[in-house]
Amino acid sequence: MSRTRTALLAAMALVAGATGTAYAVAPDGVGAAAVPCTVDYQVQNQWSTGFTAAVTVTNLGAAKSSWSLKWSYAGNQRVTSGWNAKVTQSGSNVTAANESYNGTLATGGSASFGFQGTYSGSNAIPATFTLDGVTCNVDGGGPTDPTDPTDPTDPGDRVNNPYSGAKVYVNPEWSANAAAEPGGSRIANQPTGVWLDRIAAINGANGKMGLRAHLDEALRQKGSGELVIQLVIYNLPGRDCSALASNGELGPTEIGRYKTEYIDPIAAILADDKYSSLRIVTTVEIDSLPNLVTNTGSRATATPECDVMKANGNYVKGVGYALNKLGDAGNVYNYVDAGHHGWIGWDDNFGPSADVFHDAATAEGATPADVHGFITNTANYSALKENNFSVDQTVAGKSVRESKWVDWNRYVDELGFAQAFRNELVSTGFDTNIGMLIDTSRNGWGGTARPAGPGATSSVDTYVDGGRYDRRIHIGNWCNQAGAGLGERPKAAPESGIDAYVWMKPPGESDGASKAIPNDEGKGFDRMCDPTYTGTPRNGHNLTGALSDAPVSGHWFSAQFQELMKNAYPPLP
């Protein structure tokens, strides 16, 4: 997959008069400022008889309340189905008209849609597009973008799995903290994510390395081979509307600051040619989009803060903007956070969450081609694989799904969930080649409490509770969990559909303070981090299972680091 370069092509058209990509110039010799619209047409996936495409049209003229985009095929392409637009074809002529929910197209606004088609022979990009009868500038993209086969950094040619054949960046700041702990040298060389959790983190705050410093160090570590550096993009307006411990610096309505003060500077740095030889993986806005499904409306788990974010649309807009801007660099691989099985594995969360992710991937100029994959279990504790029970078993006359722990969820672990959710995401319109990441930094659940086999069959609860590796009091508990251990070490392509196991959450960095601690990072006190608290509907009103004496989220927590090493599975040497 590749990102296209509409603005660049428009400029090249004026300077050079021709490019290797189809475009149309505004009529009557009008300058670039008068271009009425632009079209980004991408072939996302292509096989011997068919293809999928994503199209984004940007209106640079007067605002519209409805729109119709038209083009003609030079070959025998036929549209068979579409989404987010009414796509019809007569002969070689195709018309895409707005749906009822996306007819408004403001000046500078964009609309995105996709479709599937068939072809034989060639599948050339259409040369001309018209928006309501007016010719647009065109940038044809996707796998058909011309690339230089002698240049491995050419932004038109991403690899399918960025982790394959590559080293992964070791954050020297985290590594130093780990190495300073007794026994920590055993894992101090493991790669972890770099969290950009506020605007100040871009340039470096409180003596910490900024983004350019990390990228420069990544170039040093890279040497002559390939290297992945993992960045966590985490600063949405009204961030983490259901958990005070990870609230951020931007208020619910500050989408403008998010764009101009946070995403735009990051995108500019990542687009620097100096870093074009790196494979840059972004984890985009953890714990945001699933909240719009599970913690809004009439649900018992709803919060007023999440209702506000659903109503104002700034989670969807923010994620869409980030995907669009960050994806402009051809060596950036965007992975959207997809919660975990204990959050969206239930029937009434599974499909709706995939739909919300697709909404975000078609907002603010983004298309599904800007999404290389998804990541599950970020900064969470769900076991990678539960071997001692499954949802298709019946014990003492009851389905395992009826147990208090499973509680009718269709999934009991992250691997099964991630593979199934990948298929669901593809069905909503994401590319068939998307890959999944699973954060295994704290889901090992080893040590003396790890069951050696299934539980007793006297009841379904005894069976599940006696055999489950995940020893949390309730699957809704998420803060600094007692008994947790390091999980599988980072590894590329471990299972079908999984691009890598990663340690995106650096082990030893706190999830949140166990009591109120003043700070200048906008992070509140969430009682789910208080070991004495008896909970909310999201954890069945149980104790939180959190460790005591925890610092503010993101700060080093020595006691947690020692516990993670002690309970590691596979065990540490």
Protein backbone atom coordinates (compact mmCIF):
# COMPACT_ATOMS: atom_id res chain seq x y z
CA MET A 1 0.00 0.00 0.00
CA SER A 2 1.17 3.56 -0.59
CA ARG A 3 -0.02 6.98 0.32
CA THR A 4 -0.55 9.43 -2.49
CA ARG A 5 0.76 12.93 -2.85
CA THR A 6 -2.06 15.08 -4.28
CA ALA A 7 -0.62 18.49 -3.41
CA LEU A 8 2.82 17.56 -4.72
CA LEU A 9 1.41 16.34 -8.01
CA ALA A 10 -0.62 19.49 -8.46
CA ALA A 11 2.52 21.56 -7.99
CA MET A 12 4.51 19.33 -10.36
CA ALA A 13 1.80 19.71 -12.97
CA LEU A 14 2.34 23.47 -12.99
CA VAL A 15 6.13 23.24 -13.06
CA ALA A 16 6.82 20.26 -15.28
CA GLY A 17 3.62 19.93 -17.26
CA ALA A 18 3.55 16.14 -16.95
CA THR A 19 4.05 13.31 -14.49
CA GLY A 20 3.83 9.55 -14.51
CA THR A 21 0.43 9.78 -12.81
CA ALA A 22 -2.84 10.93 -14.34
CA TYR A 23 -4.05 14.41 -13.44
CA ALA A 24 -6.29 17.09 -14.88
CA VAL A 25 -5.55 20.81 -14.80
CA ALA A 26 -8.20 23.41 -14.03
CA PRO A 27 -9.75 24.81 -17.22
CA ASP A 28 -8.77 28.03 -18.99
CA GLY A 29 -5.23 28.02 -17.65
CA VAL A 30 -6.33 28.98 -14.16
CA GLY A 31 -3.57 28.73 -11.54
CA ALA A 32 -3.33 26.08 -8.82
CA ALA A 33 -5.16 28.25 -6.31
CA ALA A 34 -8.29 27.98 -8.44
CA VAL A 35 -8.32 24.17 -8.66
CA PRO A 36 -11.95 23.35 -7.78
CA CYS A 37 -11.39 19.86 -6.36
CA THR A 38 -8.88 17.05 -6.02
CA VAL A 39 -9.37 13.30 -6.22
CA ASP A 40 -7.24 10.64 -4.56
CA TYR A 41 -7.94 7.28 -6.26
CA GLN A 42 -6.17 4.25 -4.80
CA VAL A 43 -6.19 0.63 -5.88
CA GLN A 44 -5.94 -0.99 -2.46
CA ASN A 45 -5.86 -4.63 -3.39
CA GLN A 46 -5.69 -6.33 -6.77
CA TRP A 47 -5.85 -9.94 -7.91
CA SER A 48 -6.14 -11.68 -11.28
CA THR A 49 -9.81 -10.85 -11.89
CA GLY A 50 -10.74 -8.16 -9.40
CA PHE A 51 -9.72 -5.27 -7.21
CA THR A 52 -10.83 -2.96 -4.42
CA ALA A 53 -10.35 0.81 -4.58
CA ALA A 54 -10.62 3.76 -2.21
CA VAL A 55 -11.47 7.25 -3.41
CA THR A 56 -11.30 10.56 -1.55
CA VAL A 57 -12.68 13.71 -3.16
CA THR A 58 -11.80 17.09 -1.65
CA ASN A 59 -13.97 20.09 -2.46
CA LEU A 60 -12.00 23.35 -2.91
CA GLY A 61 -14.95 25.33 -4.22
CA ALA A 62 -18.21 26.50 -2.65
CA ALA A 63 -19.76 24.31 0.05
CA LYS A 64 -22.12 21.58 -1.18
CA SER A 65 -25.14 19.86 0.37
CA SER A 66 -24.87 16.95 -2.11
CA TRP A 67 -22.28 15.78 -4.60
CA SER A 68 -21.70 13.46 -7.54
CA LEU A 69 -18.28 12.28 -8.73
CA LYS A 70 -17.94 10.78 -12.23
CA TRP A 71 -15.23 9.05 -14.21
CA SER A 72 -14.81 6.67 -17.17
CA TYR A 73 -12.72 3.53 -17.50
CA ALA A 74 -10.52 3.01 -20.55
CA GLY A 75 -10.55 -0.76 -19.98
CA ASN A 76 -13.27 -3.26 -19.09
CA GLN A 77 -13.44 -2.57 -15.33
CA ARG A 78 -16.87 -3.16 -13.79
CA VAL A 79 -17.97 -1.97 -10.33
CA THR A 80 -19.73 -4.75 -8.41
CA SER A 81 -20.37 -3.16 -5.00
CA GLY A 82 -19.59 0.02 -3.08
CA TRP A 83 -19.68 1.55 0.38
CA ASN A 84 -20.09 5.10 1.71
CA ALA A 85 -21.45 6.21 -1.69
CA LYS A 86 -24.04 5.09 -4.25
CA VAL A 87 -21.72 3.75 -6.96
CA THR A 88 -23.36 2.89 -10.30
CA GLN A 89 -22.00 2.15 -13.77
CA SER A 90 -23.37 2.49 -17.30
CA GLY A 91 -21.03 1.20 -19.98
CA SER A 92 -17.62 2.61 -19.12
CA ASN A 93 -19.06 5.55 -17.16
CA VAL A 94 -19.15 5.42 -13.35
CA THR A 95 -21.06 7.72 -10.99
CA ALA A 96 -20.53 7.90 -7.22
CA ALA A 97 -23.20 9.94 -5.44
CA ASN A 98 -23.32 10.77 -1.76
CA GLU A 99 -25.29 8.79 0.79
CA SER A 100 -27.79 10.62 2.99
CA TYR A 101 -25.29 10.88 5.84
CA ASN A 102 -22.30 12.32 3.89
CA GLY A 103 -23.83 14.77 1.43
CA THR A 104 -22.41 17.88 3.10
CA LEU A 105 -19.08 18.84 1.58
CA ALA A 106 -17.70 22.07 3.03
CA THR A 107 -15.04 24.16 1.33
CA GLY A 108 -11.86 22.21 2.01
CA GLY A 109 -13.90 19.22 3.17
CA SER A 110 -13.41 15.66 1.96
CA ALA A 111 -15.59 12.61 1.42
CA SER A 112 -14.25 9.08 1.12
CA PHE A 113 -15.82 5.93 -0.27
CA GLY A 114 -14.74 2.57 -1.62
CA PHE A 115 -15.82 -0.09 -4.03
CA GLN A 116 -15.00 -3.52 -5.40
CA GLY A 117 -14.76 -4.29 -9.09
CA THR A 118 -13.73 -6.81 -11.72
CA TYR A 119 -11.38 -6.45 -14.69
CA SER A 120 -9.28 -8.38 -17.17
CA GLY A 121 -6.09 -7.26 -18.84
CA SER A 122 -5.02 -3.88 -17.45
CA ASN A 123 -6.56 -1.92 -14.58
CA ALA A 124 -5.52 1.62 -15.45
CA ILE A 125 -6.34 4.56 -13.20
CA PRO A 126 -9.01 6.81 -14.75
CA ALA A 127 -7.51 9.91 -16.36
CA THR A 128 -10.30 12.38 -15.57
CA PHE A 129 -12.73 12.91 -12.71
CA THR A 130 -15.49 15.49 -12.48
CA LEU A 131 -17.23 16.70 -9.32
CA ASP A 132 -20.71 17.95 -10.22
CA GLY A 133 -19.50 18.46 -13.77
CA VAL A 134 -16.24 20.28 -12.93
CA THR A 135 -12.89 18.63 -13.70
CA CYS A 136 -10.68 17.87 -10.68
CA ASN A 137 -6.97 17.41 -10.22
CA VAL A 138 -6.26 13.69 -9.81
CA ASP A 139 -3.70 11.67 -7.91
CA GLY A 140 -3.84 7.98 -8.64
CA GLY A 141 -2.33 5.91 -5.87
CA GLY A 142 -2.06 2.52 -4.26
CA PRO A 143 0.01 -0.36 -5.59
CA THR A 144 -0.04 1.19 -9.08
CA ASP A 145 2.08 4.19 -7.97
CA PRO A 146 5.33 4.25 -9.94
CA THR A 147 8.32 3.41 -7.75
CA ASP A 148 12.05 3.23 -8.23
CA PRO A 149 13.00 -0.46 -7.80
CA THR A 150 16.60 0.54 -7.07
CA ASP A 151 15.59 2.74 -4.14
CA PRO A 152 14.53 0.75 -1.04
CA THR A 153 13.29 3.94 0.64
CA ASP A 154 10.88 4.86 -2.17
CA PRO A 155 7.65 5.84 -0.33
CA GLY A 156 5.49 4.17 -2.96
CA ASP A 157 6.30 0.64 -1.84
CA ARG A 158 5.63 -0.40 1.75
CA VAL A 159 6.46 -3.95 2.78
CA ASN A 160 3.59 -6.21 3.81
CA ASN A 161 4.93 -6.81 7.33
CA PRO A 162 7.32 -4.11 8.58
CA TYR A 163 8.61 -6.38 11.36
CA SER A 164 9.78 -9.15 9.02
CA GLY A 165 13.54 -9.11 8.58
CA ALA A 166 13.97 -6.06 10.80
CA LYS A 167 15.39 -5.19 14.18
CA VAL A 168 13.12 -3.17 16.49
CA TYR A 169 14.20 -0.01 18.30
CA VAL A 170 15.32 -0.27 21.92
CA ASN A 171 14.40 2.93 23.77
CA PRO A 172 17.59 3.86 25.67
CA GLU A 173 15.63 5.68 28.38
CA TRP A 174 13.46 2.65 29.16
CA SER A 175 16.47 0.35 28.80
CA ALA A 176 18.40 2.33 31.41
CA ASN A 177 15.50 2.11 33.87
CA ALA A 178 15.21 -1.64 33.31
CA ALA A 179 18.95 -2.26 33.61
CA ALA A 180 19.07 -0.34 36.90
CA GLU A 181 16.63 -2.82 38.49
CA PRO A 182 17.95 -6.02 40.12
CA GLY A 183 17.69 -8.67 37.40
CA GLY A 184 16.52 -6.11 34.86
CA SER A 185 19.49 -6.62 32.53
CA ARG A 186 17.78 -9.84 31.37
CA ILE A 187 15.24 -7.80 29.40
CA ALA A 188 16.83 -4.34 29.12
CA ASN A 189 17.59 -4.96 25.44
CA GLN A 190 13.95 -5.62 24.47
CA PRO A 191 12.19 -3.16 22.13
CA THR A 192 9.33 -1.08 23.54
CA GLY A 193 7.05 1.69 22.29
CA VAL A 194 7.88 5.39 22.54
CA TRP A 195 4.82 7.21 23.92
CA LEU A 196 4.05 10.69 22.59
CA ASP A 197 1.38 11.41 25.20
CA ARG A 198 1.38 15.23 25.11
CA ILE A 199 2.53 18.07 22.88
CA ALA A 200 5.69 18.65 24.92
CA ALA A 201 6.80 15.06 24.31
CA ILE A 202 7.43 15.89 20.63
CA ASN A 203 10.42 18.08 21.47
CA GLY A 204 11.17 16.38 24.79
CA ALA A 205 9.95 17.36 28.24
CA ASN A 206 11.55 17.23 31.69
CA GLY A 207 14.88 16.10 30.30
CA LYS A 208 13.38 13.29 28.22
CA MET A 209 14.31 12.58 24.59
CA GLY A 210 12.08 14.16 21.95
CA LEU A 211 10.87 12.53 18.74
CA ARG A 212 13.87 13.59 16.63
CA ALA A 213 16.27 12.35 19.29
CA HIS A 214 14.59 8.93 19.22
CA LEU A 215 14.64 8.83 15.42
CA ASP A 216 18.32 9.80 15.35
CA GLU A 217 19.10 7.05 17.84
CA ALA A 218 17.04 4.64 15.72
CA LEU A 219 19.24 5.46 12.71
CA ARG A 220 22.29 4.68 14.83
CA GLN A 221 20.82 1.34 15.95
CA LYS A 222 19.73 0.52 12.41
CA GLY A 223 23.18 0.30 10.88
CA SER A 224 23.01 -1.24 7.41
CA GLY A 225 19.95 -3.41 8.09
CA GLU A 226 16.23 -2.71 8.52
CA LEU A 227 14.81 -1.29 11.74
CA VAL A 228 11.31 -0.63 13.07
CA ILE A 229 10.69 2.19 15.54
CA GLN A 230 7.34 2.05 17.41
CA LEU A 231 5.53 5.29 18.31
CA VAL A 232 2.33 5.60 20.35
CA ILE A 233 0.17 8.50 19.14
CA TYR A 234 -1.86 9.37 22.22
CA ASN A 235 -3.24 12.85 22.78
CA LEU A 236 -6.83 13.04 21.50
CA PRO A 237 -9.15 15.79 22.72
CA GLY A 238 -11.03 14.48 25.77
CA ARG A 239 -8.65 11.52 25.83
CA ASP A 240 -9.72 8.28 27.51
CA CYS A 241 -13.22 9.40 28.44
CA SER A 242 -13.80 6.38 30.71
CA ALA A 243 -10.58 6.42 32.76
CA LEU A 244 -9.32 9.44 34.66
CA ALA A 245 -5.80 8.06 35.15
CA SER A 246 -4.95 8.58 31.50
CA ASN A 247 -6.87 11.78 30.78
CA GLY A 248 -4.84 14.16 28.67
CA GLU A 249 -4.01 17.83 28.23
CA LEU A 250 -6.60 18.66 25.54
CA GLY A 251 -10.23 19.39 26.34
CA PRO A 252 -13.09 17.69 24.46
CA THR A 253 -13.44 20.49 21.89
CA GLU A 254 -9.75 21.17 21.21
CA ILE A 255 -9.59 19.30 17.91
CA GLY A 256 -7.86 22.30 16.29
CA ARG A 257 -4.95 22.14 18.72
CA TYR A 258 -4.73 18.38 18.27
CA LYS A 259 -4.31 18.87 14.54
CA THR A 260 -2.00 21.88 14.39
CA GLU A 261 0.06 21.54 17.60
CA TYR A 262 0.29 17.76 17.86
CA ILE A 263 -0.31 15.76 14.66
CA ASP A 264 1.07 18.28 12.15
CA PRO A 265 4.47 18.63 13.89
CA ILE A 266 4.79 14.85 14.26
CA ALA A 267 3.87 14.33 10.59
CA ALA A 268 6.43 16.92 9.49
CA ILE A 269 9.21 15.18 11.43
CA LEU A 270 8.28 11.72 10.14
CA ALA A 271 8.26 13.05 6.55
CA ASP A 272 11.87 14.26 6.86
CA ASP A 273 13.97 12.44 4.22
CA LYS A 274 16.62 11.91 6.89
CA TYR A 275 14.39 9.18 8.39
CA SER A 276 13.10 7.62 5.18
CA SER A 277 15.13 4.43 5.67
CA LEU A 278 13.36 3.64 8.97
CA ARG A 279 10.17 1.61 9.21
CA ILE A 280 8.02 3.75 11.49
CA VAL A 281 5.10 1.95 13.18
CA THR A 282 2.47 4.16 14.80
CA THR A 283 -0.07 2.89 17.33
CA VAL A 284 -2.89 5.37 16.86
CA GLU A 285 -4.84 6.58 19.90
CA ILE A 286 -5.29 3.69 22.29
CA ASP A 287 -8.54 3.30 24.25
CA SER A 288 -10.44 5.87 22.19
CA LEU A 289 -12.74 4.49 19.49
CA PRO A 290 -14.02 1.45 21.46
CA ASN A 291 -15.31 3.87 24.11
CA LEU A 292 -17.78 5.22 21.55
CA VAL A 293 -19.40 1.77 21.40
CA THR A 294 -19.22 0.45 24.94
CA ASN A 295 -19.35 3.49 27.19
CA THR A 296 -22.08 5.67 25.67
CA GLY A 297 -25.85 5.93 25.58
CA SER A 298 -28.05 3.82 27.83
CA ARG A 299 -25.43 1.22 28.77
CA ALA A 300 -24.67 0.75 32.44
CA THR A 301 -21.01 1.43 31.61
CA ALA A 302 -21.73 4.80 29.94
CA THR A 303 -20.05 7.98 31.15
CA PRO A 304 -21.08 11.57 30.43
CA GLU A 305 -17.57 12.24 29.10
CA CYS A 306 -17.86 9.46 26.50
CA ASP A 307 -21.32 10.68 25.48
CA VAL A 308 -19.78 14.10 24.82
CA MET A 309 -17.04 12.62 22.63
CA LYS A 310 -19.54 10.58 20.64
CA ALA A 311 -21.74 13.63 20.11
CA ASN A 312 -18.96 15.98 19.01
CA GLY A 313 -17.24 13.39 16.78
CA ASN A 314 -13.75 14.47 17.79
CA TYR A 315 -12.46 10.94 18.41
CA VAL A 316 -13.42 9.90 14.88
CA LYS A 317 -12.17 13.18 13.39
CA GLY A 318 -8.93 13.08 15.35
CA VAL A 319 -8.09 9.48 14.42
CA GLY A 320 -8.99 10.12 10.78
CA TYR A 321 -6.79 13.21 10.67
CA ALA A 322 -3.88 11.36 12.27
CA LEU A 323 -4.17 8.45 9.83
CA ASN A 324 -4.32 10.79 6.85
CA LYS A 325 -1.40 13.03 7.83
CA LEU A 326 0.91 10.40 9.29
CA GLY A 327 0.25 8.07 6.37
CA ASP A 328 1.59 10.63 3.91
CA ALA A 329 5.12 9.39 4.71
CA GLY A 330 5.66 6.24 2.69
CA ASN A 331 7.69 4.55 5.44
CA VAL A 332 4.99 5.03 8.14
CA TYR A 333 2.80 2.04 9.04
CA ASN A 334 -0.36 3.04 10.92
CA TYR A 335 -1.86 0.48 13.32
CA VAL A 336 -5.13 1.55 14.96
CA ASP A 337 -5.80 0.48 18.53
CA ALA A 338 -8.59 -2.12 18.68
CA GLY A 339 -9.12 -2.63 22.41
CA HIS A 340 -8.97 -6.24 23.58
CA HIS A 341 -11.18 -9.32 23.77
CA GLY A 342 -12.43 -8.45 27.28
CA TRP A 343 -13.72 -5.14 25.94
CA ILE A 344 -15.17 -5.67 22.49
CA GLY A 345 -15.33 -9.47 22.20
CA TRP A 346 -19.07 -9.61 22.97
CA ASP A 347 -21.55 -9.89 20.10
CA ASP A 348 -23.03 -6.41 20.63
CA ASN A 349 -19.56 -4.78 20.65
CA PHE A 350 -17.69 -6.80 18.00
CA GLY A 351 -19.30 -5.66 14.74
CA PRO A 352 -20.18 -2.12 15.86
CA SER A 353 -16.56 -1.51 16.89
CA ALA A 354 -15.32 -2.54 13.45
CA ASP A 355 -17.84 -0.13 11.91
CA VAL A 356 -16.60 2.76 14.07
CA PHE A 357 -13.00 1.99 13.08
CA HIS A 358 -14.03 2.15 9.42
CA ASP A 359 -15.81 5.47 10.06
CA ALA A 360 -12.58 6.88 11.48
CA ALA A 361 -10.54 5.51 8.57
CA THR A 362 -12.76 7.44 6.15
CA ALA A 363 -12.83 10.73 8.10
CA GLU A 364 -10.82 13.90 7.60
CA GLY A 365 -9.35 12.79 4.28
CA ALA A 366 -8.22 9.35 5.48
CA THR A 367 -8.98 6.15 3.59
CA PRO A 368 -8.69 2.51 4.66
CA ALA A 369 -5.42 2.42 2.71
CA ASP A 370 -3.95 4.64 5.45
CA VAL A 371 -4.41 1.73 7.88
CA HIS A 372 -1.73 -0.94 7.71
CA GLY A 373 -3.25 -2.91 10.57
CA PHE A 374 -4.60 -2.92 14.11
CA ILE A 375 -3.19 -3.60 17.57
CA THR A 376 -4.97 -5.34 20.44
CA ASN A 377 -4.29 -5.53 24.18
CA THR A 378 -2.23 -2.31 24.25
CA ALA A 379 -1.23 -1.68 27.87
CA ASN A 380 -3.62 -4.44 28.96
CA TYR A 381 -3.37 -7.83 30.59
CA SER A 382 -5.52 -10.27 28.61
CA ALA A 383 -3.83 -13.66 28.24
CA LEU A 384 -2.43 -14.43 24.81
CA LYS A 385 -3.79 -17.99 24.73
CA GLU A 386 -5.98 -19.80 27.25
CA ASN A 387 -5.24 -23.51 26.76
CA ASN A 388 -7.40 -25.00 29.52
CA PHE A 389 -10.91 -24.05 28.35
CA SER A 390 -12.76 -22.81 25.27
CA VAL A 391 -16.21 -21.38 24.52
CA ASP A 392 -17.37 -24.49 22.67
CA GLN A 393 -17.11 -26.66 25.81
CA THR A 394 -19.94 -27.67 28.14
CA VAL A 395 -19.25 -28.41 31.81
CA ALA A 396 -21.78 -29.60 34.39
CA GLY A 397 -24.57 -28.95 31.89
CA LYS A 398 -23.56 -25.36 31.14
CA SER A 399 -21.63 -23.70 28.34
CA VAL A 400 -18.28 -22.17 29.23
CA ARG A 401 -19.77 -18.92 27.92
CA GLU A 402 -22.14 -18.98 30.91
CA SER A 403 -19.30 -18.86 33.45
CA LYS A 404 -18.92 -15.65 35.45
CA TRP A 405 -15.45 -15.08 34.00
CA VAL A 406 -16.36 -15.48 30.32
CA ASP A 407 -19.82 -13.92 30.80
CA TRP A 408 -21.09 -14.79 27.29
CA ASN A 409 -18.05 -13.41 25.51
CA ARG A 410 -17.22 -15.28 22.31
CA TYR A 411 -13.47 -15.05 22.95
CA VAL A 412 -11.35 -16.07 25.91
CA ASP A 413 -7.91 -14.83 24.82
CA GLU A 414 -6.19 -12.27 22.62
CA LEU A 415 -4.85 -14.48 19.85
CA GLY A 416 -8.24 -15.94 18.96
CA PHE A 417 -9.86 -12.52 19.24
CA ALA A 418 -7.24 -10.72 17.12
CA GLN A 419 -7.48 -13.27 14.32
CA ALA A 420 -11.29 -13.18 14.30
CA PHE A 421 -11.47 -9.40 14.55
CA ARG A 422 -9.08 -9.09 11.62
CA ASN A 423 -11.62 -10.95 9.48
CA GLU A 424 -14.41 -8.69 10.73
CA LEU A 425 -12.41 -5.59 9.85
CA VAL A 426 -11.75 -6.87 6.33
CA SER A 427 -15.49 -7.45 5.90
CA THR A 428 -16.14 -3.75 6.63
CA GLY A 429 -13.84 -2.61 3.84
CA PHE A 430 -10.27 -2.74 5.16
CA ASP A 431 -7.60 -4.27 2.96
CA THR A 432 -7.35 -8.07 2.98
CA ASN A 433 -3.64 -7.74 3.77
CA ILE A 434 -4.02 -5.86 7.07
CA GLY A 435 -1.99 -7.33 9.90
CA MET A 436 -2.53 -7.44 13.65
CA LEU A 437 -0.18 -6.65 16.51
CA ILE A 438 -0.70 -8.00 20.04
CA ASP A 439 0.85 -6.27 23.05
CA THR A 440 2.33 -9.05 25.18
CA SER A 441 4.26 -6.82 27.57
CA ARG A 442 2.20 -7.78 30.66
CA ASN A 443 -0.01 -10.77 29.82
CA GLY A 444 2.27 -13.70 30.71
CA TRP A 445 0.57 -14.62 34.02
CA GLY A 446 3.30 -17.03 35.06
CA GLY A 447 4.76 -17.71 38.49
CA THR A 448 3.42 -20.06 41.13
CA ALA A 449 -0.23 -19.10 40.50
CA ARG A 450 -0.23 -20.33 36.90
CA PRO A 451 -2.55 -23.37 36.56
CA ALA A 452 -0.97 -26.55 35.26
CA GLY A 453 -4.22 -27.77 33.69
CA PRO A 454 -8.01 -27.41 33.63
CA GLY A 455 -10.03 -26.79 36.75
CA ALA A 456 -12.37 -29.27 38.39
CA THR A 457 -15.58 -30.09 36.49
CA SER A 458 -17.91 -29.76 39.49
CA SER A 459 -19.29 -26.52 38.01
CA VAL A 460 -18.57 -24.36 35.00
CA ASP A 461 -17.18 -21.59 37.23
CA THR A 462 -14.88 -23.98 39.08
CA TYR A 463 -13.68 -25.33 35.73
CA VAL A 464 -12.91 -21.94 34.20
CA ASP A 465 -11.55 -20.27 37.33
CA GLY A 466 -9.34 -23.25 38.12
CA GLY A 467 -7.82 -23.36 34.66
CA ARG A 468 -7.53 -19.75 33.49
CA TYR A 469 -4.06 -18.20 33.25
CA ASP A 470 -5.41 -14.65 33.57
CA ARG A 471 -5.66 -14.31 37.37
CA ARG A 472 -7.36 -10.92 37.52
CA ILE A 473 -10.36 -10.59 39.84
CA HIS A 474 -12.40 -9.40 36.87
CA ILE A 475 -11.57 -8.97 33.20
CA GLY A 476 -12.57 -5.30 33.46
CA ASN A 477 -9.64 -4.54 35.79
CA TRP A 478 -6.89 -2.69 33.94
CA CYS A 479 -4.67 -0.72 36.33
CA ASN A 480 -1.30 -2.02 37.63
CA GLN A 481 -2.59 -5.56 38.10
CA ALA A 482 -1.16 -7.64 40.92
CA GLY A 483 0.20 -11.02 39.81
CA ALA A 484 0.76 -10.02 36.17
CA GLY A 485 3.91 -11.09 34.35
CA LEU A 486 5.86 -10.37 31.21
CA GLY A 487 4.42 -12.23 28.23
CA GLU A 488 5.88 -13.52 24.99
CA ARG A 489 8.98 -11.63 23.94
CA PRO A 490 8.60 -9.38 20.89
CA LYS A 491 8.56 -11.54 17.77
CA ALA A 492 7.74 -11.03 14.09
CA ALA A 493 5.02 -13.03 12.31
CA PRO A 494 4.32 -15.52 15.16
CA GLU A 495 0.88 -16.66 13.93
CA SER A 496 -1.40 -16.39 10.91
CA GLY A 497 -2.62 -12.81 10.46
CA ILE A 498 -0.38 -11.50 13.26
CA ASP A 499 2.41 -9.16 12.13
CA ALA A 500 4.15 -9.27 15.51
CA TYR A 501 3.99 -9.68 19.26
CA VAL A 502 5.17 -6.34 20.66
CA TRP A 503 5.88 -4.66 23.98
CA MET A 504 4.10 -1.42 23.10
CA LYS A 505 3.53 -0.61 26.78
CA PRO A 506 6.98 -0.43 28.37
CA PRO A 507 6.99 -2.84 31.34
CA GLY A 508 7.51 -0.97 34.59
CA GLU A 509 5.70 2.20 33.54
CA SER A 510 2.65 2.81 35.73
CA ASP A 511 -0.93 2.71 34.45
CA GLY A 512 -2.00 5.35 36.96
CA ALA A 513 -1.54 6.60 40.51
CA SER A 514 -3.06 4.63 43.39
CA LYS A 515 -3.92 7.93 45.09
CA ALA A 516 -4.28 11.53 43.93
CA ILE A 517 -0.90 13.00 42.95
CA PRO A 518 -0.65 16.55 41.59
CA ASN A 519 1.05 16.67 38.17
CA ASP A 520 1.49 18.95 35.16
CA GLU A 521 0.54 16.26 32.60
CA GLY A 522 -3.26 16.52 32.85
CA LYS A 523 -3.51 13.03 34.40
CA GLY A 524 -6.22 12.55 36.99
CA PHE A 525 -6.75 10.07 39.79
CA ASP A 526 -8.85 7.08 38.81
CA ARG A 527 -10.06 4.90 41.67
CA MET A 528 -9.64 1.84 39.45
CA CYS A 529 -5.96 2.27 40.40
CA ASP A 530 -6.83 2.26 44.12
CA PRO A 531 -6.50 -1.28 45.57
CA THR A 532 -9.20 -0.54 48.17
CA TYR A 533 -11.89 0.50 45.66
CA THR A 534 -14.83 -1.85 45.05
CA GLY A 535 -15.31 -0.87 41.46
CA THR A 536 -17.88 0.13 38.85
CA PRO A 537 -20.23 -1.68 36.44
CA ARG A 538 -17.23 -2.12 34.10
CA ASN A 539 -15.58 -4.51 36.57
CA GLY A 540 -18.72 -5.95 38.13
CA HIS A 541 -18.22 -3.88 41.31
CA ASN A 542 -15.24 -6.00 42.34
CA LEU A 543 -11.98 -4.94 43.94
CA THR A 544 -9.61 -3.46 41.38
CA GLY A 545 -6.68 -5.83 41.90
CA ALA A 546 -4.31 -2.85 41.55
CA LEU A 547 -0.91 -2.61 43.21
CA SER A 548 -0.49 -0.03 45.98
CA ASP A 549 1.88 2.96 46.03
CA ALA A 550 1.76 3.47 42.26
CA PRO A 551 2.99 6.72 40.67
CA VAL A 552 1.29 8.79 37.93
CA SER A 553 0.73 6.94 34.64
CA GLY A 554 3.85 6.64 32.52
CA HIS A 555 6.21 7.09 35.48
CA TRP A 556 8.58 4.34 36.58
CA PHE A 557 7.08 1.85 39.04
CA SER A 558 9.82 -0.39 40.39
CA ALA A 559 7.51 -2.71 42.35
CA GLN A 560 5.47 -3.44 39.24
CA PHE A 561 8.60 -4.11 37.17
CA GLN A 562 9.83 -6.64 39.74
CA GLU A 563 6.44 -8.36 39.81
CA LEU A 564 6.36 -8.59 36.01
CA MET A 565 9.77 -10.27 35.94
CA LYS A 566 8.85 -12.66 38.77
CA ASN A 567 5.66 -13.79 37.00
CA ALA A 568 7.02 -13.82 33.44
CA TYR A 569 5.78 -16.53 31.08
CA PRO A 570 7.75 -17.83 29.32
CA PRO A 571 9.92 -17.55 32.44
CA LEU A 572 13.05 -15.42 32.37
CA PRO A 573 16.40 -17.23 32.48
